[in-house]
C-alpha atoms as a PDB file:
ATOM      1  CA  MET A   1       0.055   0.055  -0.191  1.00  0.00           C
ATOM      2  CA  THR A   2       1.468   3.070  -0.969  1.00  0.00           C
ATOM      3  CA  ALA A   3       2.213   5.833   1.530  1.00  0.00           C
ATOM      4  CA  THR A   4       0.116   8.035  -0.166  1.00  0.00           C
ATOM      5  CA  CYS A   5      -3.254   5.740   0.681  1.00  0.00           C
ATOM      6  CA  LEU A   6      -2.312   5.693   4.606  1.00  0.00           C
ATOM      7  CA  ILE A   7      -2.308   9.190   4.478  1.00  0.00           C
ATOM      8  CA  LEU A   8      -5.187   9.679   2.933  1.00  0.00           C
ATOM      9  CA  CYS A   9      -6.446   6.910   5.594  1.00  0.00           C
ATOM     10  CA  TRP A  10      -5.368   9.303   8.465  1.00  0.00           C
ATOM     11  CA  ALA A  11      -6.526  11.786   7.300  1.00  0.00           C
ATOM     12  CA  CYS A  12     -10.440  10.201   7.141  1.00  0.00           C
ATOM     13  CA  SER A  13      -9.806   8.762  10.721  1.00  0.00           C
ATOM     14  CA  GLY A  14      -8.778  12.720  11.936  1.00  0.00           C
ATOM     15  CA  LYS A  15     -12.367  13.829  10.722  1.00  0.00           C
ATOM     16  CA  ARG A  16     -14.072  10.796  12.621  1.00  0.00           C
ATOM     17  CA  GLY A  17     -11.674   9.302  15.481  1.00  0.00           C
ATOM     18  CA  TYR A  18      -9.626   5.912  15.696  1.00  0.00           C
ATOM     19  CA  ALA A  19     -13.524   4.520  17.012  1.00  0.00           C
ATOM     20  CA  GLY A  20     -15.227   6.146  14.696  1.00  0.00           C
ATOM     21  CA  ALA A  21     -13.545   5.508  11.304  1.00  0.00           C
ATOM     22  CA  SER A  22     -14.899   2.387   9.227  1.00  0.00           C
ATOM     23  CA  LEU A  23     -12.756  -0.081   7.022  1.00  0.00           C
ATOM     24  CA  SER A  24     -15.054   0.735   4.616  1.00  0.00           C
ATOM     25  CA  ASP A  25     -14.319   4.774   5.451  1.00  0.00           C
ATOM     26  CA  LEU A  26     -10.421   3.891   5.330  1.00  0.00           C
ATOM     27  CA  ALA A  27     -10.779   1.806   1.793  1.00  0.00           C
ATOM     28  CA  ASP A  28     -12.541   4.682   0.664  1.00  0.00           C
ATOM     29  CA  ALA A  29     -10.738   7.573   1.570  1.00  0.00           C
ATOM     30  CA  ALA A  30      -7.863   5.825   0.102  1.00  0.00           C
ATOM     31  CA  GLY A  31      -9.446   4.583  -2.593  1.00  0.00           C
ATOM     32  CA  VAL A  32      -9.356   1.302  -2.124  1.00  0.00           C
ATOM     33  CA  SER A  33     -11.644  -1.485  -2.043  1.00  0.00           C
ATOM     34  CA  ARG A  34     -12.354  -3.278   1.258  1.00  0.00           C
ATOM     35  CA  PRO A  35     -11.031  -6.681   0.040  1.00  0.00           C
ATOM     36  CA  ARG A  36      -7.593  -4.005  -1.082  1.00  0.00           C
ATOM     37  CA  LEU A  37      -7.431  -2.464   2.275  1.00  0.00           C
ATOM     38  CA  TYR A  38      -7.657  -6.367   3.993  1.00  0.00           C
ATOM     39  CA  ASP A  39      -4.801  -7.884   1.641  1.00  0.00           C
ATOM     40  CA  ALA A  40      -2.069  -4.809   2.831  1.00  0.00           C
ATOM     41  CA  PHE A  41      -3.128  -4.347   6.860  1.00  0.00           C
ATOM     42  CA  PRO A  42      -5.184  -7.445   8.939  1.00  0.00           C
ATOM     43  CA  ASP A  43      -6.989  -4.706  10.802  1.00  0.00           C
ATOM     44  CA  LYS A  44      -7.538  -1.368  11.379  1.00  0.00           C
ATOM     45  CA  THR A  45      -4.500  -1.294  14.411  1.00  0.00           C
ATOM     46  CA  SER A  46      -2.319  -2.699  12.081  1.00  0.00           C
ATOM     47  CA  MET A  47      -2.660  -0.319   9.417  1.00  0.00           C
ATOM     48  CA  TYR A  48      -2.507   2.911  12.039  1.00  0.00           C
ATOM     49  CA  LEU A  49       0.650   0.999  12.646  1.00  0.00           C
ATOM     50  CA  ALA A  50       2.087   1.507   9.620  1.00  0.00           C
ATOM     51  CA  VAL A  51       0.579   5.020   9.238  1.00  0.00           C
ATOM     52  CA  VAL A  52       2.503   5.553  12.613  1.00  0.00           C
ATOM     53  CA  ASP A  53       5.768   4.138  11.509  1.00  0.00           C
ATOM     54  CA  ARG A  54       5.663   5.951   8.088  1.00  0.00           C
ATOM     55  CA  VAL A  55       4.936   9.363  10.003  1.00  0.00           C
ATOM     56  CA  ILE A  56       7.938   8.879  12.131  1.00  0.00           C
ATOM     57  CA  ASN A  57      10.395   7.945   9.805  1.00  0.00           C
ATOM     58  CA  ASP A  58       9.177  11.032   7.651  1.00  0.00           C
ATOM     59  CA  THR A  59       9.779  13.532  10.418  1.00  0.00           C
ATOM     60  CA  LYS A  60      13.386  10.985  10.722  1.00  0.00           C
ATOM     61  CA  ALA A  61      14.221  11.802   7.541  1.00  0.00           C
ATOM     62  CA  ALA A  62      13.421  15.778   7.516  1.00  0.00           C
ATOM     63  CA  LEU A  63      14.810  15.861  10.815  1.00  0.00           C
ATOM     64  CA  ASP A  64      18.280  13.943   9.489  1.00  0.00           C
ATOM     65  CA  PHE A  65      17.637  16.522   6.565  1.00  0.00           C
ATOM     66  CA  ALA A  66      17.743  19.374   8.791  1.00  0.00           C
ATOM     67  CA  LEU A  67      20.972  19.000  11.409  1.00  0.00           C
ATOM     68  CA  VAL A  68      22.942  17.322   9.865  1.00  0.00           C
ATOM     69  CA  ALA A  69      26.185  17.996  12.499  1.00  0.00           C
ATOM     70  CA  LYS A  70      28.561  18.604   9.914  1.00  0.00           C
ATOM     71  CA  ARG A  71      27.543  22.094  10.173  1.00  0.00           C
ATOM     72  CA  PRO A  72      27.594  24.676  12.858  1.00  0.00           C
ATOM     73  CA  LEU A  73      24.808  25.059  15.216  1.00  0.00           C
ATOM     74  CA  GLN A  74      23.744  28.762  14.398  1.00  0.00           C
ATOM     75  CA  ASP A  75      23.461  26.654  10.368  1.00  0.00           C
ATOM     76  CA  GLU A  76      21.834  23.468  11.689  1.00  0.00           C
ATOM     77  CA  LEU A  77      18.704  25.362  14.042  1.00  0.00           C
ATOM     78  CA  SER A  78      18.547  27.232  10.334  1.00  0.00           C
ATOM     79  CA  THR A  79      17.961  25.000   8.828  1.00  0.00           C
ATOM     80  CA  PHE A  80      15.121  22.867  11.324  1.00  0.00           C
ATOM     81  CA  PHE A  81      13.639  26.194  11.927  1.00  0.00           C
ATOM     82  CA  GLY A  82      13.009  27.195   8.274  1.00  0.00           C
ATOM     83  CA  MET A  83      11.889  23.486   7.570  1.00  0.00           C
ATOM     84  CA  SER A  84       9.423  24.280  10.705  1.00  0.00           C
ATOM     85  CA  ILE A  85       8.168  27.612   9.518  1.00  0.00           C
ATOM     86  CA  ASP A  86       7.407  25.898   5.846  1.00  0.00           C
ATOM     87  CA  HIS A  87       5.565  23.931   7.349  1.00  0.00           C
ATOM     88  CA  TYR A  88       3.320  25.326   9.381  1.00  0.00           C
ATOM     89  CA  LEU A  89       2.877  28.260   6.899  1.00  0.00           C
ATOM     90  CA  SER A  90       1.620  25.635   3.914  1.00  0.00           C
ATOM     91  CA  GLY A  91      -1.421  25.076   5.594  1.00  0.00           C
ATOM     92  CA  ALA A  92      -0.887  20.959   5.447  1.00  0.00           C
ATOM     93  CA  LYS A  93      -3.244  19.652   8.065  1.00  0.00           C
ATOM     94  CA  ALA A  94      -1.225  18.031  11.333  1.00  0.00           C
ATOM     95  CA  ARG A  95      -0.903  14.166  10.917  1.00  0.00           C
ATOM     96  CA  GLY A  96      -0.899  12.614  13.768  1.00  0.00           C
END
């Protein structure tokens, strides 16, 4: 299952909450059938754990890029806060 599908599922669950989002809702949000969702994840908990894992990995990659520890601290922090400000001003909704 693609990262995009996972993020769409996550967005759907954000509207209804974990308990309120049915597997049909999540499959519709991801643009896949329920059987396809079940092929990728045996249950809703597995899907959420995959989404959380993806968000953690994406965040770690962004931090690794921003804080490479090979530049002066001022440059590291400038890159980190610049990326943070760009993200917040982009209007992207929180994923967690």
